[in-house]
PDB file of N, CA and C in Angstrom:
ATOM      1  N   UNK A   1       7.079 -12.077  -4.857  1.00  0.00           N
ATOM      2  CA  UNK A   1       7.396 -10.690  -5.050  1.00  0.00           C
ATOM      3  C   UNK A   1       7.727 -10.392  -6.514  1.00  0.00           C
ATOM      4  N   UNK A   2       8.014 -11.425  -7.275  1.00  0.00           N
ATOM      5  CA  UNK A   2       8.335 -11.241  -8.691  1.00  0.00           C
ATOM      6  C   UNK A   2       7.167 -10.594  -9.436  1.00  0.00           C
ATOM      7  N   UNK A   3       5.944 -11.067  -9.188  1.00  0.00           N
ATOM      8  CA  UNK A   3       4.767 -10.513  -9.861  1.00  0.00           C
ATOM      9  C   UNK A   3       4.578  -9.042  -9.487  1.00  0.00           C
ATOM     10  N   UNK A   4       4.787  -8.699  -8.240  1.00  0.00           N
ATOM     11  CA  UNK A   4       4.648  -7.317  -7.801  1.00  0.00           C
ATOM     12  C   UNK A   4       5.687  -6.437  -8.492  1.00  0.00           C
ATOM     13  N   UNK A   5       6.913  -6.904  -8.584  1.00  0.00           N
ATOM     14  CA  UNK A   5       7.957  -6.159  -9.293  1.00  0.00           C
ATOM     15  C   UNK A   5       7.575  -5.929 -10.754  1.00  0.00           C
ATOM     16  N   UNK A   6       7.029  -6.941 -11.399  1.00  0.00           N
ATOM     17  CA  UNK A   6       6.635  -6.818 -12.804  1.00  0.00           C
ATOM     18  C   UNK A   6       5.520  -5.788 -12.978  1.00  0.00           C
ATOM     19  N   UNK A   7       4.567  -5.789 -12.076  1.00  0.00           N
ATOM     20  CA  UNK A   7       3.473  -4.820 -12.141  1.00  0.00           C
ATOM     21  C   UNK A   7       4.000  -3.408 -11.922  1.00  0.00           C
ATOM     22  N   UNK A   8       4.866  -3.230 -10.944  1.00  0.00           N
ATOM     23  CA  UNK A   8       5.377  -1.895 -10.634  1.00  0.00           C
ATOM     24  C   UNK A   8       6.243  -1.330 -11.750  1.00  0.00           C
ATOM     25  N   UNK A   9       6.874  -2.182 -12.538  1.00  0.00           N
ATOM     26  CA  UNK A   9       7.656  -1.703 -13.683  1.00  0.00           C
ATOM     27  C   UNK A   9       6.774  -0.996 -14.704  1.00  0.00           C
ATOM     28  N   UNK A  10       5.487  -1.320 -14.709  1.00  0.00           N
ATOM     29  CA  UNK A  10       4.542  -0.689 -15.641  1.00  0.00           C
ATOM     30  C   UNK A  10       4.045   0.663 -15.119  1.00  0.00           C
ATOM     31  N   UNK A  11       4.487   1.050 -13.933  1.00  0.00           N
ATOM     32  CA  UNK A  11       4.167   2.332 -13.306  1.00  0.00           C
ATOM     33  C   UNK A  11       2.658   2.581 -13.208  1.00  0.00           C
ATOM     34  N   UNK A  12       1.961   1.725 -12.471  1.00  0.00           N
ATOM     35  CA  UNK A  12       0.508   1.918 -12.341  1.00  0.00           C
ATOM     36  C   UNK A  12       0.190   3.176 -11.538  1.00  0.00           C
ATOM     37  N   UNK A  13      -0.944   3.799 -11.843  1.00  0.00           N
ATOM     38  CA  UNK A  13      -1.398   4.954 -11.068  1.00  0.00           C
ATOM     39  C   UNK A  13      -1.916   4.507  -9.702  1.00  0.00           C
ATOM     40  N   UNK A  14      -2.560   3.335  -9.694  1.00  0.00           N
ATOM     41  CA  UNK A  14      -3.147   2.782  -8.476  1.00  0.00           C
ATOM     42  C   UNK A  14      -2.857   1.288  -8.434  1.00  0.00           C
ATOM     43  N   UNK A  15      -2.549   0.790  -7.249  1.00  0.00           N
ATOM     44  CA  UNK A  15      -2.288  -0.634  -7.061  1.00  0.00           C
ATOM     45  C   UNK A  15      -3.264  -1.152  -6.007  1.00  0.00           C
ATOM     46  N   UNK A  16      -4.009  -2.187  -6.336  1.00  0.00           N
ATOM     47  CA  UNK A  16      -4.970  -2.785  -5.413  1.00  0.00           C
ATOM     48  C   UNK A  16      -4.441  -4.139  -4.972  1.00  0.00           C
ATOM     49  N   UNK A  17      -4.245  -4.299  -3.668  1.00  0.00           N
ATOM     50  CA  UNK A  17      -3.714  -5.540  -3.098  1.00  0.00           C
ATOM     51  C   UNK A  17      -4.672  -6.071  -2.040  1.00  0.00           C
ATOM     52  N   UNK A  18      -4.740  -7.379  -1.903  1.00  0.00           N
ATOM     53  CA  UNK A  18      -5.494  -7.960  -0.789  1.00  0.00           C
ATOM     54  C   UNK A  18      -4.694  -7.744   0.494  1.00  0.00           C
ATOM     55  N   UNK A  19      -3.522  -8.300   0.541  1.00  0.00           N
ATOM     56  CA  UNK A  19      -2.636  -8.129   1.687  1.00  0.00           C
ATOM     57  C   UNK A  19      -1.694  -6.981   1.384  1.00  0.00           C
ATOM     58  N   UNK A  20      -1.584  -6.063   2.294  1.00  0.00           N
ATOM     59  CA  UNK A  20      -0.774  -4.877   2.055  1.00  0.00           C
ATOM     60  C   UNK A  20       0.563  -4.908   2.766  1.00  0.00           C
ATOM     61  N   UNK A  21       1.317  -3.841   2.586  1.00  0.00           N
ATOM     62  CA  UNK A  21       2.617  -3.718   3.235  1.00  0.00           C
ATOM     63  C   UNK A  21       2.463  -3.275   4.682  1.00  0.00           C
ATOM     64  N   UNK A  22       3.537  -3.366   5.426  1.00  0.00           N
ATOM     65  CA  UNK A  22       3.573  -2.743   6.742  1.00  0.00           C
ATOM     66  C   UNK A  22       3.477  -1.239   6.545  1.00  0.00           C
ATOM     67  N   UNK A  23       2.793  -0.569   7.463  1.00  0.00           N
ATOM     68  CA  UNK A  23       2.757   0.883   7.435  1.00  0.00           C
ATOM     69  C   UNK A  23       3.945   1.449   8.202  1.00  0.00           C
ATOM     70  N   UNK A  24       3.925   2.731   8.401  1.00  0.00           N
ATOM     71  CA  UNK A  24       5.030   3.393   9.094  1.00  0.00           C
ATOM     72  C   UNK A  24       4.719   3.650  10.562  1.00  0.00           C
ATOM     73  N   UNK A  25       3.462   3.482  10.951  1.00  0.00           N
ATOM     74  CA  UNK A  25       3.044   3.767  12.319  1.00  0.00           C
ATOM     75  C   UNK A  25       2.793   2.480  13.107  1.00  0.00           C
ATOM     76  N   UNK A  26       2.838   2.605  14.408  1.00  0.00           N
ATOM     77  CA  UNK A  26       2.566   1.472  15.284  1.00  0.00           C
ATOM     78  C   UNK A  26       1.171   0.930  14.998  1.00  0.00           C
ATOM     79  N   UNK A  27       1.054  -0.383  14.925  1.00  0.00           N
ATOM     80  CA  UNK A  27      -0.236  -1.016  14.687  1.00  0.00           C
ATOM     81  C   UNK A  27      -0.603  -1.164  13.224  1.00  0.00           C
ATOM     82  N   UNK A  28       0.234  -0.681  12.315  1.00  0.00           N
ATOM     83  CA  UNK A  28      -0.033  -0.828  10.882  1.00  0.00           C
ATOM     84  C   UNK A  28       0.691  -2.075  10.374  1.00  0.00           C
ATOM     85  N   UNK A  29       0.118  -3.222  10.737  1.00  0.00           N
ATOM     86  CA  UNK A  29       0.723  -4.500  10.400  1.00  0.00           C
ATOM     87  C   UNK A  29       0.528  -4.818   8.928  1.00  0.00           C
ATOM     88  N   UNK A  30       1.464  -5.561   8.380  1.00  0.00           N
ATOM     89  CA  UNK A  30       1.382  -5.968   6.990  1.00  0.00           C
ATOM     90  C   UNK A  30       2.578  -6.814   6.622  1.00  0.00           C
ATOM     91  N   UNK A  31       2.763  -7.008   5.344  1.00  0.00           N
ATOM     92  CA  UNK A  31       3.824  -7.856   4.818  1.00  0.00           C
ATOM     93  C   UNK A  31       5.091  -7.035   4.593  1.00  0.00           C
ATOM     94  N   UNK A  32       6.157  -7.379   5.293  1.00  0.00           N
ATOM     95  CA  UNK A  32       7.416  -6.632   5.198  1.00  0.00           C
ATOM     96  C   UNK A  32       8.004  -6.689   3.792  1.00  0.00           C
ATOM     97  N   UNK A  33       7.870  -7.819   3.111  1.00  0.00           N
ATOM     98  CA  UNK A  33       8.408  -7.966   1.763  1.00  0.00           C
ATOM     99  C   UNK A  33       7.711  -7.060   0.762  1.00  0.00           C
ATOM    100  N   UNK A  34       6.401  -6.893   0.921  1.00  0.00           N
ATOM    101  CA  UNK A  34       5.662  -5.993   0.036  1.00  0.00           C
ATOM    102  C   UNK A  34       6.144  -4.564   0.242  1.00  0.00           C
ATOM    103  N   UNK A  35       6.333  -4.178   1.476  1.00  0.00           N
ATOM    104  CA  UNK A  35       6.831  -2.824   1.751  1.00  0.00           C
ATOM    105  C   UNK A  35       8.199  -2.614   1.128  1.00  0.00           C
ATOM    106  N   UNK A  36       9.077  -3.582   1.253  1.00  0.00           N
ATOM    107  CA  UNK A  36      10.423  -3.470   0.684  1.00  0.00           C
ATOM    108  C   UNK A  36      10.363  -3.238  -0.825  1.00  0.00           C
ATOM    109  N   UNK A  37       9.515  -4.000  -1.514  1.00  0.00           N
ATOM    110  CA  UNK A  37       9.377  -3.859  -2.966  1.00  0.00           C
ATOM    111  C   UNK A  37       8.797  -2.485  -3.312  1.00  0.00           C
ATOM    112  N   UNK A  38       7.778  -2.051  -2.584  1.00  0.00           N
ATOM    113  CA  UNK A  38       7.164  -0.755  -2.856  1.00  0.00           C
ATOM    114  C   UNK A  38       8.150   0.389  -2.635  1.00  0.00           C
ATOM    115  N   UNK A  39       8.938   0.311  -1.584  1.00  0.00           N
ATOM    116  CA  UNK A  39       9.905   1.366  -1.280  1.00  0.00           C
ATOM    117  C   UNK A  39      11.039   1.437  -2.297  1.00  0.00           C
ATOM    118  N   UNK A  40      11.325   0.337  -2.956  1.00  0.00           N
ATOM    119  CA  UNK A  40      12.420   0.302  -3.930  1.00  0.00           C
ATOM    120  C   UNK A  40      12.028   0.926  -5.261  1.00  0.00           C
ATOM    121  N   UNK A  41      10.734   1.121  -5.485  1.00  0.00           N
ATOM    122  CA  UNK A  41      10.264   1.659  -6.759  1.00  0.00           C
ATOM    123  C   UNK A  41       9.823   3.105  -6.644  1.00  0.00           C
ATOM    124  N   UNK A  42       9.176   3.567  -7.715  1.00  0.00           N
ATOM    125  CA  UNK A  42       8.615   4.912  -7.724  1.00  0.00           C
ATOM    126  C   UNK A  42       7.360   4.947  -6.872  1.00  0.00           C
ATOM    127  N   UNK A  43       6.990   6.133  -6.447  1.00  0.00           N
ATOM    128  CA  UNK A  43       5.800   6.247  -5.598  1.00  0.00           C
ATOM    129  C   UNK A  43       4.539   5.874  -6.375  1.00  0.00           C
ATOM    130  N   UNK A  44       3.606   5.306  -5.653  1.00  0.00           N
ATOM    131  CA  UNK A  44       2.313   4.928  -6.227  1.00  0.00           C
ATOM    132  C   UNK A  44       1.258   5.011  -5.130  1.00  0.00           C
ATOM    133  N   UNK A  45       0.022   4.838  -5.493  1.00  0.00           N
ATOM    134  CA  UNK A  45      -1.076   4.831  -4.543  1.00  0.00           C
ATOM    135  C   UNK A  45      -1.541   3.391  -4.380  1.00  0.00           C
ATOM    136  N   UNK A  46      -1.540   2.896  -3.151  1.00  0.00           N
ATOM    137  CA  UNK A  46      -1.864   1.501  -2.864  1.00  0.00           C
ATOM    138  C   UNK A  46      -3.125   1.437  -2.008  1.00  0.00           C
ATOM    139  N   UNK A  47      -4.060   0.584  -2.431  1.00  0.00           N
ATOM    140  CA  UNK A  47      -5.229   0.264  -1.626  1.00  0.00           C
ATOM    141  C   UNK A  47      -5.105  -1.194  -1.218  1.00  0.00           C
ATOM    142  N   UNK A  48      -5.347  -1.469   0.042  1.00  0.00           N
ATOM    143  CA  UNK A  48      -5.214  -2.848   0.533  1.00  0.00           C
ATOM    144  C   UNK A  48      -6.175  -3.055   1.689  1.00  0.00           C
ATOM    145  N   UNK A  49      -6.130  -4.222   2.247  1.00  0.00           N
ATOM    146  CA  UNK A  49      -6.972  -4.562   3.385  1.00  0.00           C
ATOM    147  C   UNK A  49      -6.335  -5.708   4.133  1.00  0.00           C
ATOM    148  N   UNK A  50      -7.088  -6.722   4.418  1.00  0.00           N
ATOM    149  CA  UNK A  50      -6.637  -7.953   5.059  1.00  0.00           C
ATOM    150  C   UNK A  50      -6.384  -7.778   6.548  1.00  0.00           C
ATOM    151  N   UNK A  51      -5.669  -6.733   6.941  1.00  0.00           N
ATOM    152  CA  UNK A  51      -5.370  -6.475   8.351  1.00  0.00           C
ATOM    153  C   UNK A  51      -5.916  -5.090   8.698  1.00  0.00           C
ATOM    154  N   UNK A  52      -6.690  -4.997   9.762  1.00  0.00           N
ATOM    155  CA  UNK A  52      -7.295  -3.723  10.157  1.00  0.00           C
ATOM    156  C   UNK A  52      -6.248  -2.766  10.724  1.00  0.00           C
ATOM    157  N   UNK A  53      -6.287  -1.522  10.256  1.00  0.00           N
ATOM    158  CA  UNK A  53      -5.466  -0.440  10.816  1.00  0.00           C
ATOM    159  C   UNK A  53      -6.413   0.593  11.416  1.00  0.00           C
ATOM    160  N   UNK A  54      -6.196   0.980  12.655  1.00  0.00           N
ATOM    161  CA  UNK A  54      -6.991   2.061  13.244  1.00  0.00           C
ATOM    162  C   UNK A  54      -6.773   3.348  12.461  1.00  0.00           C
ATOM    163  N   UNK A  55      -5.524   3.629  12.126  1.00  0.00           N
ATOM    164  CA  UNK A  55      -5.189   4.787  11.290  1.00  0.00           C
ATOM    165  C   UNK A  55      -5.029   4.248   9.873  1.00  0.00           C
ATOM    166  N   UNK A  56      -5.988   4.496   8.978  1.00  0.00           N
ATOM    167  CA  UNK A  56      -6.038   3.797   7.692  1.00  0.00           C
ATOM    168  C   UNK A  56      -5.111   4.326   6.604  1.00  0.00           C
ATOM    169  N   UNK A  57      -4.249   5.285   6.923  1.00  0.00           N
ATOM    170  CA  UNK A  57      -3.400   5.888   5.902  1.00  0.00           C
ATOM    171  C   UNK A  57      -1.944   5.884   6.357  1.00  0.00           C
ATOM    172  N   UNK A  58      -1.047   5.656   5.407  1.00  0.00           N
ATOM    173  CA  UNK A  58       0.392   5.761   5.690  1.00  0.00           C
ATOM    174  C   UNK A  58       1.091   6.219   4.417  1.00  0.00           C
ATOM    175  N   UNK A  59       2.211   6.885   4.603  1.00  0.00           N
ATOM    176  CA  UNK A  59       3.035   7.273   3.460  1.00  0.00           C
ATOM    177  C   UNK A  59       4.453   6.773   3.704  1.00  0.00           C
ATOM    178  N   UNK A  60       4.953   5.986   2.748  1.00  0.00           N
ATOM    179  CA  UNK A  60       6.292   5.436   2.851  1.00  0.00           C
ATOM    180  C   UNK A  60       7.318   6.518   2.508  1.00  0.00           C
ATOM    181  N   UNK A  61       8.573   6.332   2.893  1.00  0.00           N
ATOM    182  CA  UNK A  61       9.602   7.337   2.633  1.00  0.00           C
ATOM    183  C   UNK A  61       9.745   7.745   1.164  1.00  0.00           C
ATOM    184  N   UNK A  62       9.418   6.856   0.227  1.00  0.00           N
ATOM    185  CA  UNK A  62       9.554   7.203  -1.197  1.00  0.00           C
ATOM    186  C   UNK A  62       8.310   7.896  -1.751  1.00  0.00           C
ATOM    187  N   UNK A  63       7.333   8.201  -0.898  1.00  0.00           N
ATOM    188  CA  UNK A  63       6.134   8.894  -1.332  1.00  0.00           C
ATOM    189  C   UNK A  63       4.959   7.992  -1.652  1.00  0.00           C
ATOM    190  N   UNK A  64       5.147   6.678  -1.607  1.00  0.00           N
ATOM    191  CA  UNK A  64       4.036   5.756  -1.830  1.00  0.00           C
ATOM    192  C   UNK A  64       3.008   5.943  -0.725  1.00  0.00           C
ATOM    193  N   UNK A  65       1.758   6.111  -1.123  1.00  0.00           N
ATOM    194  CA  UNK A  65       0.670   6.299  -0.178  1.00  0.00           C
ATOM    195  C   UNK A  65      -0.131   5.008  -0.075  1.00  0.00           C
ATOM    196  N   UNK A  66      -0.447   4.633   1.155  1.00  0.00           N
ATOM    197  CA  UNK A  66      -1.176   3.397   1.419  1.00  0.00           C
ATOM    198  C   UNK A  66      -2.498   3.743   2.087  1.00  0.00           C
ATOM    199  N   UNK A  67      -3.591   3.273   1.512  1.00  0.00           N
ATOM    200  CA  UNK A  67      -4.915   3.407   2.102  1.00  0.00           C
ATOM    201  C   UNK A  67      -5.391   2.005   2.458  1.00  0.00           C
ATOM    202  N   UNK A  68      -5.514   1.738   3.732  1.00  0.00           N
ATOM    203  CA  UNK A  68      -5.979   0.428   4.182  1.00  0.00           C
ATOM    204  C   UNK A  68      -7.493   0.480   4.314  1.00  0.00           C
ATOM    205  N   UNK A  69      -8.175  -0.243   3.460  1.00  0.00           N
ATOM    206  CA  UNK A  69      -9.634  -0.183   3.369  1.00  0.00           C
ATOM    207  C   UNK A  69     -10.347  -1.247   4.185  1.00  0.00           C
ATOM    208  N   UNK A  70      -9.634  -1.976   5.026  1.00  0.00           N
ATOM    209  CA  UNK A  70     -10.265  -3.026   5.813  1.00  0.00           C
ATOM    210  C   UNK A  70     -11.354  -2.419   6.701  1.00  0.00           C
ATOM    211  N   UNK A  71     -12.600  -2.760   6.434  1.00  0.00           N
ATOM    212  CA  UNK A  71     -13.715  -2.261   7.223  1.00  0.00           C
ATOM    213  C   UNK A  71     -14.072  -0.813   6.935  1.00  0.00           C
ATOM    214  N   UNK A  72     -13.561  -0.262   5.834  1.00  0.00           N
ATOM    215  CA  UNK A  72     -13.800   1.140   5.503  1.00  0.00           C
ATOM    216  C   UNK A  72     -14.183   1.284   4.037  1.00  0.00           C
ATOM    217  N   UNK A  73     -14.684   2.447   3.709  1.00  0.00           N
ATOM    218  CA  UNK A  73     -14.958   2.793   2.301  1.00  0.00           C
ATOM    219  C   UNK A  73     -14.275   4.128   2.016  1.00  0.00           C
ATOM    220  N   UNK A  74     -13.671   4.238   0.867  1.00  0.00           N
ATOM    221  CA  UNK A  74     -13.070   5.487   0.422  1.00  0.00           C
ATOM    222  C   UNK A  74     -13.895   6.002  -0.747  1.00  0.00           C
ATOM    223  N   UNK A  75     -14.288   7.250  -0.676  1.00  0.00           N
ATOM    224  CA  UNK A  75     -15.067   7.865  -1.756  1.00  0.00           C
ATOM    225  C   UNK A  75     -14.271   9.049  -2.269  1.00  0.00           C
ATOM    226  N   UNK A  76     -13.975   9.029  -3.575  1.00  0.00           N
ATOM    227  CA  UNK A  76     -13.192  10.091  -4.192  1.00  0.00           C
ATOM    228  C   UNK A  76     -14.083  10.831  -5.181  1.00  0.00           C
ATOM    229  N   UNK A  77     -13.936  12.126  -5.220  1.00  0.00           N
ATOM    230  CA  UNK A  77     -14.671  12.916  -6.205  1.00  0.00           C
ATOM    231  C   UNK A  77     -13.797  14.080  -6.647  1.00  0.00           C
ATOM    232  N   UNK A  78     -14.162  14.663  -7.758  1.00  0.00           N
ATOM    233  CA  UNK A  78     -13.416  15.840  -8.245  1.00  0.00           C
ATOM    234  C   UNK A  78     -14.041  17.098  -7.716  1.00  0.00           C
TER     235      UNK A  78
END
């Protein structure tokens, strides 16, 4: 978790992780420690995968948004 803390101190706009945090909804499995670190910092946008979520989006209480891309593609445009 030390490396994650160091990265978050730099206030990234987007964070890409292989294994993601637990989500807020049932079935959004993930790493509890990653969620704890993310919730302790400023909000950010996280893309992750590793574990499939039927509902691919979650927002943590601090405003951090999680997009679980396992088996999905996200396309953003202006």
